[in-house]
Amino acid sequence: MKVLVPTPLYSYTGRREVQASGATLAEVLADLERQFPGIRHRMIDEQDRMRPHIRFFVNGWQIRDLAQPLAESDEVVIVQALSGG
């Protein structure tokens, strides 16, 4: 499936759009980690929770559960909030 990557994670992927597979969001993130080592840690913490500054959208709907089932035709968008002052 198509996964759109935010600019702060380009250093891992080298591009905005990548392909990944998996039956759940967790499996898609595992596939991304296999392809781009280190990327998962930027999105998921040591307790397997989504980091507070990361949002996942599937077909335009925000997903908050890593066990969310996905279809191969889905589009996953990763959004990273900006911080600072």
Protein backbone atom coordinates (compact mmCIF):
# COMPACT_ATOMS: atom_id res chain seq x y z
CA MET A 1 0.00 0.00 0.00
CA LYS A 2 1.01 3.61 -0.44
CA VAL A 3 2.51 5.30 2.62
CA LEU A 4 3.11 9.06 2.64
CA VAL A 5 6.05 10.04 4.82
CA PRO A 6 6.48 13.44 6.53
CA THR A 7 9.51 15.57 5.70
CA PRO A 8 11.27 14.94 9.07
CA LEU A 9 11.45 11.21 8.22
CA TYR A 10 12.89 11.69 4.70
CA SER A 11 16.34 10.99 6.09
CA TYR A 12 15.20 7.37 6.46
CA THR A 13 13.28 6.91 3.21
CA GLY A 14 14.78 9.46 0.84
CA ARG A 15 11.35 10.17 -0.61
CA ARG A 16 7.83 11.26 0.29
CA GLU A 17 5.98 8.17 -0.91
CA VAL A 18 6.93 4.56 -0.18
CA GLN A 19 5.25 1.17 -0.46
CA ALA A 20 4.66 -1.14 2.51
CA SER A 21 2.52 -4.16 3.23
CA GLY A 22 0.73 -5.60 6.24
CA ALA A 23 -2.70 -6.61 7.49
CA THR A 24 -2.58 -4.08 10.36
CA LEU A 25 -0.97 -0.72 11.00
CA ALA A 26 1.57 -2.46 13.26
CA GLU A 27 2.55 -4.81 10.42
CA VAL A 28 2.89 -1.91 7.98
CA LEU A 29 5.19 -0.13 10.45
CA ALA A 30 7.21 -3.34 10.86
CA ASP A 31 7.58 -3.54 7.07
CA LEU A 32 8.73 0.09 7.00
CA GLU A 33 11.29 -0.73 9.69
CA ARG A 34 12.54 -3.68 7.62
CA GLN A 35 12.97 -1.42 4.59
CA PHE A 36 14.19 1.69 6.44
CA PRO A 37 15.94 0.66 9.69
CA GLY A 38 15.35 3.06 12.58
CA ILE A 39 12.17 4.70 11.24
CA ARG A 40 9.76 2.86 13.56
CA HIS A 41 11.47 4.21 16.69
CA ARG A 42 10.73 7.76 15.49
CA MET A 43 6.98 6.92 15.46
CA ILE A 44 6.50 4.27 18.17
CA ASP A 45 7.98 4.37 21.70
CA GLU A 46 9.56 1.58 23.76
CA GLN A 47 6.14 0.57 25.17
CA ASP A 48 4.74 0.09 21.62
CA ARG A 49 2.65 3.25 21.85
CA MET A 50 2.36 5.93 19.22
CA ARG A 51 4.56 8.89 20.04
CA PRO A 52 2.49 11.96 21.00
CA HIS A 53 3.73 14.06 18.07
CA ILE A 54 2.89 11.42 15.42
CA ARG A 55 -0.52 10.89 13.81
CA PHE A 56 -1.55 8.16 11.40
CA PHE A 57 -4.35 8.59 8.88
CA VAL A 58 -5.78 5.80 6.76
CA ASN A 59 -7.89 6.95 3.83
CA GLY A 60 -8.32 10.30 5.57
CA TRP A 61 -9.37 8.91 8.97
CA GLN A 62 -7.13 9.24 12.02
CA ILE A 63 -6.12 5.86 13.44
CA ARG A 64 -5.14 5.49 17.09
CA ASP A 65 -4.81 1.70 17.28
CA LEU A 66 -1.80 -0.22 15.94
CA ALA A 67 -4.06 -3.28 15.55
CA GLN A 68 -6.25 -1.41 13.04
CA PRO A 69 -6.89 -3.75 10.08
CA LEU A 70 -5.77 -2.43 6.71
CA ALA A 71 -6.39 -3.39 3.10
CA GLU A 72 -3.75 -3.40 0.39
CA SER A 73 -5.69 -0.62 -1.38
CA ASP A 74 -5.52 1.72 1.66
CA GLU A 75 -3.41 4.87 1.78
CA VAL A 76 -1.52 5.56 5.01
CA VAL A 77 -0.42 9.11 5.76
CA ILE A 78 2.04 9.75 8.59
CA VAL A 79 1.89 13.26 10.05
CA GLN A 80 4.47 14.66 12.45
CA ALA A 81 3.51 17.71 14.47
CA LEU A 82 5.92 20.61 14.59
CA SER A 83 7.02 22.01 17.91
CA GLY A 84 9.09 24.86 19.12
CA GLY A 85 8.56 28.47 19.86
